[in-house]
Amino acid sequence: MKSRYGTPWSREELILAFELYCRIPFQKTKTNNPEVQELAAALGRTPASVARKLGNLGASDPRLREQKIAGLTHASKLDRAIWNEFSQDWNGLVWEASKLRSSMKNMKKGHSAALTEPSGPSEVARTVMQRVHQAFFRSAVLSSYDHRCCVTGLAIPECLIASHIVPWHQDEKHRADPTNGLCLSATFDRLFDAGLMAITDELIVSFASGLIKTNEKCAIEQIWPYSGKSIILPRRFMPSLERLRWHRENVFRG
């Protein structure tokens, strides 16, 4: 496919670029990243062009600014518009990107059928939507925390869970929103879901009094030491204080 270097980016291309930006660590938005190369090939652009665009999108990232990490300059109005639109509509971002990828694959195969958004109460529709959103949510949350549990620092991918702060079945609007997530190891994910652990507005780990009072040896040795400790902050997508507060008020047994 002929390279489109220098060609202005369309809205559809930027949606795919932003979705990728959210799924991979900012430090890996480089030309040698296979996912950058894959998107470049799909768009008929060079990996360098895609990497630059990811850097342009980083210029609108508030979390990067807090860490004094600057994205590339020369971000366009459309870059900023895409960021502003879809950082308020994560479900829309995930589904639009999914439809675009499906459409491109069908075009390559010579098919005209594109992915259409499931509608109605069918189990198939719910399953498709859930799978698409969960895949994005997990990638975005884990990459934000550098694939480490935000409580313990454990960095074994098989042990990590992208945990929803407000369960997605209670807040479907934010089911794909990475600010509604924490990267937790399996044990601490269960503690959080069971209301035995919470995160304060100061991003401090707090355990329920019943757990703190237990004489269970493993809890004393492996859980108690993290009481009152700050979580490991994500490089992007800080957890929503509003949703952490909801969890403390509605789930936490403190």
Protein backbone atom coordinates (compact mmCIF):
# COMPACT_ATOMS: atom_id res chain seq x y z
CA MET A 1 0.00 0.00 0.00
CA LYS A 2 1.30 3.43 -0.89
CA SER A 3 2.46 5.49 2.05
CA ARG A 4 0.30 8.49 3.00
CA TYR A 5 3.08 10.46 4.65
CA GLY A 6 2.06 14.11 4.88
CA THR A 7 -1.63 13.39 4.32
CA PRO A 8 -3.90 14.98 6.95
CA TRP A 9 -5.36 12.54 9.44
CA SER A 10 -9.07 11.80 9.17
CA ARG A 11 -11.41 11.53 12.13
CA GLU A 12 -11.61 7.76 11.66
CA GLU A 13 -7.82 7.40 11.68
CA LEU A 14 -7.54 9.51 14.82
CA ILE A 15 -10.12 7.36 16.60
CA LEU A 16 -7.96 4.31 15.93
CA ALA A 17 -4.82 6.18 17.01
CA PHE A 18 -6.40 7.39 20.25
CA GLU A 19 -7.71 3.91 21.07
CA LEU A 20 -4.18 2.55 20.60
CA TYR A 21 -2.69 5.43 22.63
CA CYS A 22 -4.89 4.39 25.56
CA ARG A 23 -3.96 0.71 25.36
CA ILE A 24 -0.16 0.93 25.35
CA PRO A 25 2.26 2.68 27.73
CA PHE A 26 3.27 6.14 26.53
CA GLN A 27 6.93 5.16 26.64
CA LYS A 28 6.16 2.43 24.08
CA THR A 29 4.52 4.68 21.49
CA LYS A 30 7.57 4.10 19.31
CA THR A 31 8.15 2.99 15.73
CA ASN A 32 9.48 -0.41 16.83
CA ASN A 33 6.29 -1.29 18.73
CA PRO A 34 4.49 -4.06 16.78
CA GLU A 35 1.11 -2.50 17.54
CA VAL A 36 2.27 0.84 16.14
CA GLN A 37 3.54 -0.97 13.05
CA GLU A 38 0.28 -2.88 12.70
CA LEU A 39 -1.81 0.30 12.81
CA ALA A 40 0.55 1.99 10.36
CA ALA A 41 0.14 -0.88 7.89
CA ALA A 42 -3.65 -0.81 8.26
CA LEU A 43 -3.77 2.94 7.60
CA GLY A 44 -1.18 2.95 4.83
CA ARG A 45 1.05 5.23 6.87
CA THR A 46 4.60 4.85 8.14
CA PRO A 47 5.28 3.72 11.71
CA ALA A 48 7.02 7.07 12.24
CA SER A 49 3.83 8.89 11.24
CA VAL A 50 1.73 6.86 13.68
CA ALA A 51 4.29 7.30 16.48
CA ARG A 52 4.27 11.07 15.94
CA LYS A 53 0.50 11.16 16.07
CA LEU A 54 0.50 9.23 19.35
CA GLY A 55 2.95 11.81 20.65
CA ASN A 56 0.64 14.60 19.49
CA LEU A 57 -2.23 13.00 21.41
CA GLY A 58 0.01 12.86 24.48
CA ALA A 59 0.11 16.65 24.45
CA SER A 60 -3.54 16.62 25.58
CA ASP A 61 -2.98 14.08 28.37
CA PRO A 62 -3.44 15.79 31.78
CA ARG A 63 -1.69 12.98 33.65
CA LEU A 64 1.44 13.33 31.53
CA ARG A 65 1.46 17.07 32.22
CA GLU A 66 1.28 16.38 35.97
CA GLN A 67 4.42 14.28 35.61
CA LYS A 68 6.05 17.00 33.48
CA ILE A 69 6.12 14.65 30.51
CA ALA A 70 5.41 16.58 27.35
CA GLY A 71 3.83 15.05 24.31
CA LEU A 72 4.84 16.27 20.88
CA THR A 73 3.93 19.79 19.90
CA HIS A 74 1.87 20.74 16.85
CA ALA A 75 -1.22 18.81 17.94
CA SER A 76 -4.09 19.72 15.63
CA LYS A 77 -7.54 20.95 16.58
CA LEU A 78 -8.90 17.58 15.54
CA ASP A 79 -6.39 15.81 17.82
CA ARG A 80 -7.65 17.81 20.78
CA ALA A 81 -11.28 17.40 19.72
CA ILE A 82 -10.92 13.61 19.57
CA TRP A 83 -9.30 13.58 23.02
CA ASN A 84 -11.99 15.80 24.53
CA GLU A 85 -14.85 13.88 22.93
CA PHE A 86 -13.83 10.33 23.74
CA SER A 87 -12.29 10.92 27.16
CA GLN A 88 -15.93 11.62 28.07
CA ASP A 89 -17.28 8.66 26.09
CA TRP A 90 -15.02 5.64 26.55
CA ASN A 91 -17.69 3.17 25.49
CA GLY A 92 -18.11 5.11 22.27
CA LEU A 93 -14.36 5.11 21.62
CA VAL A 94 -14.06 1.36 22.09
CA TRP A 95 -17.00 0.54 19.89
CA GLU A 96 -16.12 3.01 17.11
CA ALA A 97 -12.55 1.67 16.99
CA SER A 98 -13.84 -1.90 16.93
CA LYS A 99 -16.16 -1.16 14.02
CA LEU A 100 -13.40 0.60 12.08
CA ARG A 101 -10.96 -2.29 12.53
CA SER A 102 -13.61 -4.78 11.42
CA SER A 103 -14.44 -2.66 8.40
CA MET A 104 -10.77 -2.47 7.35
CA LYS A 105 -10.36 -6.23 7.69
CA ASN A 106 -13.46 -6.82 5.56
CA MET A 107 -12.17 -4.45 2.90
CA LYS A 108 -8.87 -6.33 2.73
CA LYS A 109 -10.78 -9.60 2.30
CA GLY A 110 -13.05 -8.08 -0.31
CA HIS A 111 -16.11 -8.15 1.93
CA SER A 112 -18.53 -5.26 2.21
CA ALA A 113 -20.07 -6.20 5.56
CA ALA A 114 -18.98 -4.05 8.51
CA LEU A 115 -19.46 -4.63 12.19
CA THR A 116 -22.72 -3.18 13.43
CA GLU A 117 -23.44 -2.36 17.02
CA PRO A 118 -25.42 -5.11 18.71
CA SER A 119 -28.88 -4.00 19.79
CA GLY A 120 -31.72 -5.57 21.70
CA PRO A 121 -31.65 -7.87 24.71
CA SER A 122 -30.03 -10.89 23.04
CA GLU A 123 -27.32 -12.70 24.96
CA VAL A 124 -25.09 -12.58 21.86
CA ALA A 125 -25.29 -8.78 21.74
CA ARG A 126 -24.41 -8.45 25.42
CA THR A 127 -21.54 -10.90 25.09
CA VAL A 128 -20.00 -9.12 22.10
CA MET A 129 -20.19 -5.72 23.75
CA GLN A 130 -18.83 -7.02 27.04
CA ARG A 131 -15.89 -8.76 25.38
CA VAL A 132 -14.89 -5.69 23.35
CA HIS A 133 -15.09 -3.34 26.32
CA GLN A 134 -13.33 -5.66 28.76
CA ALA A 135 -10.39 -6.21 26.41
CA PHE A 136 -9.84 -2.46 26.06
CA PHE A 137 -10.35 -1.80 29.77
CA ARG A 138 -7.81 -4.42 30.83
CA SER A 139 -5.17 -3.20 28.38
CA ALA A 140 -5.67 0.47 29.28
CA VAL A 141 -5.64 -0.08 33.06
CA LEU A 142 -2.70 -2.50 33.17
CA SER A 143 -0.55 -0.39 30.84
CA SER A 144 -1.32 2.71 32.95
CA TYR A 145 0.13 0.97 36.01
CA ASP A 146 3.09 -0.49 34.09
CA HIS A 147 1.59 -3.95 34.64
CA ARG A 148 2.12 -3.78 38.40
CA CYS A 149 -0.34 -4.18 41.25
CA CYS A 150 -0.92 -0.67 42.59
CA VAL A 151 -0.84 -1.97 46.18
CA THR A 152 2.00 -4.49 46.24
CA GLY A 153 3.96 -3.75 43.06
CA LEU A 154 3.60 -7.38 41.94
CA ALA A 155 4.46 -7.55 38.24
CA ILE A 156 3.35 -11.04 37.21
CA PRO A 157 0.78 -10.46 34.41
CA GLU A 158 -1.06 -13.72 35.08
CA CYS A 159 -1.79 -12.53 38.63
CA LEU A 160 -3.07 -9.06 37.72
CA ILE A 161 -6.65 -7.93 37.32
CA ALA A 162 -8.05 -4.71 35.90
CA SER A 163 -10.50 -4.13 38.73
CA HIS A 164 -13.52 -1.87 38.26
CA ILE A 165 -13.98 0.61 41.09
CA VAL A 166 -17.70 0.87 40.40
CA PRO A 167 -18.79 -2.50 38.96
CA TRP A 168 -19.63 -2.22 35.28
CA HIS A 169 -23.10 -3.74 35.76
CA GLN A 170 -23.91 -0.83 38.11
CA ASP A 171 -22.41 1.87 35.90
CA GLU A 172 -22.41 0.77 32.28
CA LYS A 173 -21.56 4.29 31.12
CA HIS A 174 -18.07 3.92 32.60
CA ARG A 175 -17.48 0.23 32.01
CA ALA A 176 -14.60 0.97 29.58
CA ASP A 177 -13.35 4.08 31.41
CA PRO A 178 -9.77 3.46 32.64
CA THR A 179 -10.23 6.05 35.39
CA ASN A 180 -12.78 3.63 36.83
CA GLY A 181 -10.08 1.01 37.22
CA LEU A 182 -7.24 -0.15 39.45
CA CYS A 183 -4.54 -2.68 38.63
CA LEU A 184 -4.66 -5.17 41.49
CA SER A 185 -3.22 -8.61 42.16
CA ALA A 186 -5.86 -11.31 42.55
CA THR A 187 -5.89 -11.25 46.38
CA PHE A 188 -6.29 -7.50 46.64
CA ASP A 189 -8.87 -7.46 43.86
CA ARG A 190 -10.98 -9.85 45.95
CA LEU A 191 -10.47 -7.74 49.07
CA PHE A 192 -11.55 -4.63 47.17
CA ASP A 193 -14.64 -6.27 45.64
CA ALA A 194 -15.63 -7.77 48.99
CA GLY A 195 -15.48 -4.38 50.71
CA LEU A 196 -12.54 -5.37 52.91
CA MET A 197 -10.25 -2.79 51.30
CA ALA A 198 -10.75 0.75 50.08
CA ILE A 199 -8.68 3.61 48.68
CA THR A 200 -9.02 7.04 50.30
CA ASP A 201 -9.18 10.40 48.54
CA GLU A 202 -5.47 10.70 49.36
CA LEU A 203 -4.95 7.39 47.50
CA ILE A 204 -4.07 5.56 50.71
CA VAL A 205 -4.88 1.88 51.26
CA SER A 206 -7.42 1.27 54.02
CA PHE A 207 -8.66 -2.08 55.33
CA ALA A 208 -11.91 -2.91 57.07
CA SER A 209 -11.63 -3.10 60.85
CA GLY A 210 -12.71 -6.74 60.86
CA LEU A 211 -9.77 -7.66 58.64
CA ILE A 212 -7.29 -5.68 60.72
CA LYS A 213 -8.44 -7.40 63.91
CA THR A 214 -8.05 -10.92 62.57
CA ASN A 215 -5.36 -13.16 64.01
CA GLU A 216 -4.99 -15.05 60.73
CA LYS A 217 -1.25 -15.39 60.11
CA CYS A 218 -1.25 -14.87 56.35
CA ALA A 219 -3.33 -11.71 56.69
CA ILE A 220 -0.94 -10.35 59.30
CA GLU A 221 2.10 -11.12 57.16
CA GLN A 222 0.84 -10.41 53.64
CA ILE A 223 -1.97 -7.87 53.96
CA TRP A 224 -1.50 -5.74 57.05
CA PRO A 225 1.87 -4.29 55.92
CA TYR A 226 0.06 -2.31 53.20
CA SER A 227 -2.38 -0.61 55.55
CA GLY A 228 -1.91 3.16 55.40
CA LYS A 229 0.44 2.94 52.42
CA SER A 230 0.02 5.02 49.27
CA ILE A 231 -0.89 3.16 46.14
CA ILE A 232 1.56 3.15 43.25
CA LEU A 233 0.27 5.94 41.02
CA PRO A 234 -0.50 5.20 37.38
CA ARG A 235 1.43 6.91 34.62
CA ARG A 236 -1.91 7.73 33.01
CA PHE A 237 -5.60 7.68 33.92
CA MET A 238 -5.62 8.49 37.61
CA PRO A 239 -8.41 6.67 39.45
CA SER A 240 -11.56 8.75 39.79
CA LEU A 241 -11.90 10.15 43.32
CA GLU A 242 -15.66 10.30 42.81
CA ARG A 243 -15.84 6.57 42.12
CA LEU A 244 -13.43 5.69 44.91
CA ARG A 245 -15.76 7.61 47.20
CA TRP A 246 -18.74 5.66 45.83
CA HIS A 247 -16.93 2.42 46.64
CA ARG A 248 -16.21 3.51 50.22
CA GLU A 249 -19.83 4.56 50.75
CA ASN A 250 -21.49 1.58 49.08
CA VAL A 251 -19.12 -1.38 49.29
CA PHE A 252 -16.46 -0.82 51.96
CA ARG A 253 -17.15 -2.38 55.38
CA GLY A 254 -14.84 0.03 57.17
